[in-house]
Amino acid sequence: MAYTNTSTTGHTLVEKFADLRAQWAEAAAKRKVFRTTVAELETLSARELADLGISRASIKAIAYEAAYGA
C-alpha cells in the first residue's frame, strides 16, 4: 500500500481545501473502480470465471488491486 506524504507548510487555507478536495476526488474515483470491478466480475458465470482463472473468493482482491495497486 502506498502512502502519500504531503506538506502543507506555507499554503493558504484555500490551497489546503483545494488539496483536500483533490484527495477526496481521487479516493472517490478509486472506490468507484473497486465497486465497478467487483460488480462486473460478480456478473460472470462460474465457467467464465474459470476461463479467466479467477475464483469467486478472489474477486474482491482482484478489484482491490485494480483500484489501489498491488
C-alpha atoms as a PDB file:
ATOM      1  CA  MET A   1       0.000   0.000   0.000  1.00  0.00           C
ATOM      2  CA  ALA A   2       1.347   3.402  -0.926  1.00  0.00           C
ATOM      3  CA  TYR A   3       1.113   6.396   1.327  1.00  0.00           C
ATOM      4  CA  THR A   4       1.255   9.999   0.263  1.00  0.00           C
ATOM      5  CA  ASN A   5       3.145  12.448   2.420  1.00  0.00           C
ATOM      6  CA  THR A   6       2.003  15.948   1.617  1.00  0.00           C
ATOM      7  CA  SER A   7       3.371  19.015   3.271  1.00  0.00           C
ATOM      8  CA  THR A   8       1.019  21.946   3.605  1.00  0.00           C
ATOM      9  CA  THR A   9       3.523  24.344   5.133  1.00  0.00           C
ATOM     10  CA  GLY A  10       3.128  27.819   3.690  1.00  0.00           C
ATOM     11  CA  HIS A  11      -0.122  27.066   1.865  1.00  0.00           C
ATOM     12  CA  THR A  12      -3.105  29.289   2.224  1.00  0.00           C
ATOM     13  CA  LEU A  13      -6.341  27.969   3.630  1.00  0.00           C
ATOM     14  CA  VAL A  14      -7.848  27.945   0.135  1.00  0.00           C
ATOM     15  CA  GLU A  15      -4.964  25.826  -1.163  1.00  0.00           C
ATOM     16  CA  LYS A  16      -5.339  23.414   1.729  1.00  0.00           C
ATOM     17  CA  PHE A  17      -9.038  22.965   0.966  1.00  0.00           C
ATOM     18  CA  ALA A  18      -8.271  22.509  -2.729  1.00  0.00           C
ATOM     19  CA  ASP A  19      -5.718  19.809  -1.861  1.00  0.00           C
ATOM     20  CA  LEU A  20      -8.201  18.101   0.436  1.00  0.00           C
ATOM     21  CA  ARG A  21     -10.887  18.194  -2.235  1.00  0.00           C
ATOM     22  CA  ALA A  22      -8.459  16.694  -4.757  1.00  0.00           C
ATOM     23  CA  GLN A  23      -7.614  13.882  -2.320  1.00  0.00           C
ATOM     24  CA  TRP A  24     -11.324  13.179  -1.778  1.00  0.00           C
ATOM     25  CA  ALA A  25     -11.924  13.114  -5.530  1.00  0.00           C
ATOM     26  CA  GLU A  26      -9.043  10.687  -6.045  1.00  0.00           C
ATOM     27  CA  ALA A  27     -10.298   8.435  -3.244  1.00  0.00           C
ATOM     28  CA  ALA A  28     -13.827   8.513  -4.692  1.00  0.00           C
ATOM     29  CA  ALA A  29     -12.503   7.574  -8.140  1.00  0.00           C
ATOM     30  CA  LYS A  30     -10.587   4.621  -6.678  1.00  0.00           C
ATOM     31  CA  ARG A  31     -13.662   3.444  -4.759  1.00  0.00           C
ATOM     32  CA  LYS A  32     -15.678   3.637  -7.981  1.00  0.00           C
ATOM     33  CA  VAL A  33     -13.112   1.483  -9.823  1.00  0.00           C
ATOM     34  CA  PHE A  34     -13.254  -1.046  -6.973  1.00  0.00           C
ATOM     35  CA  ARG A  35     -17.072  -1.185  -6.920  1.00  0.00           C
ATOM     36  CA  THR A  36     -17.347  -1.375 -10.709  1.00  0.00           C
ATOM     37  CA  THR A  37     -14.766  -4.148 -10.959  1.00  0.00           C
ATOM     38  CA  VAL A  38     -16.480  -6.193  -8.246  1.00  0.00           C
ATOM     39  CA  ALA A  39     -19.882  -5.715  -9.876  1.00  0.00           C
ATOM     40  CA  GLU A  40     -18.616  -6.724 -13.313  1.00  0.00           C
ATOM     41  CA  LEU A  41     -16.775  -9.807 -12.081  1.00  0.00           C
ATOM     42  CA  GLU A  42     -19.738 -10.923  -9.973  1.00  0.00           C
ATOM     43  CA  THR A  43     -21.955 -10.954 -13.069  1.00  0.00           C
ATOM     44  CA  LEU A  44     -19.744 -13.575 -14.745  1.00  0.00           C
ATOM     45  CA  SER A  45     -20.733 -17.215 -14.593  1.00  0.00           C
ATOM     46  CA  ALA A  46     -18.604 -19.832 -12.850  1.00  0.00           C
ATOM     47  CA  ARG A  47     -17.433 -21.077 -16.233  1.00  0.00           C
ATOM     48  CA  GLU A  48     -16.424 -17.595 -17.423  1.00  0.00           C
ATOM     49  CA  LEU A  49     -14.510 -17.004 -14.196  1.00  0.00           C
ATOM     50  CA  ALA A  50     -12.798 -20.380 -14.559  1.00  0.00           C
ATOM     51  CA  ASP A  51     -11.805 -19.498 -18.133  1.00  0.00           C
ATOM     52  CA  LEU A  52     -10.149 -16.359 -16.731  1.00  0.00           C
ATOM     53  CA  GLY A  53      -8.517 -18.301 -13.909  1.00  0.00           C
ATOM     54  CA  ILE A  54     -10.434 -16.402 -11.239  1.00  0.00           C
ATOM     55  CA  SER A  55     -12.268 -17.886  -8.277  1.00  0.00           C
ATOM     56  CA  ARG A  56     -15.260 -16.164  -6.709  1.00  0.00           C
ATOM     57  CA  ALA A  57     -13.296 -15.875  -3.473  1.00  0.00           C
ATOM     58  CA  SER A  58     -10.632 -13.734  -5.165  1.00  0.00           C
ATOM     59  CA  ILE A  59     -12.955 -11.195  -6.819  1.00  0.00           C
ATOM     60  CA  LYS A  60     -12.546  -8.555  -4.111  1.00  0.00           C
ATOM     61  CA  ALA A  61      -8.768  -8.996  -4.016  1.00  0.00           C
ATOM     62  CA  ILE A  62      -8.576  -8.535  -7.781  1.00  0.00           C
ATOM     63  CA  ALA A  63     -10.807  -5.461  -7.602  1.00  0.00           C
ATOM     64  CA  TYR A  64      -8.690  -4.016  -4.793  1.00  0.00           C
ATOM     65  CA  GLU A  65      -5.535  -4.476  -6.838  1.00  0.00           C
ATOM     66  CA  ALA A  66      -7.199  -2.858  -9.858  1.00  0.00           C
ATOM     67  CA  ALA A  67      -8.265   0.165  -7.830  1.00  0.00           C
ATOM     68  CA  TYR A  68      -5.427   0.683  -5.387  1.00  0.00           C
ATOM     69  CA  GLY A  69      -2.493  -1.158  -6.922  1.00  0.00           C
ATOM     70  CA  ALA A  70      -0.561  -4.113  -5.590  1.00  0.00           C
END
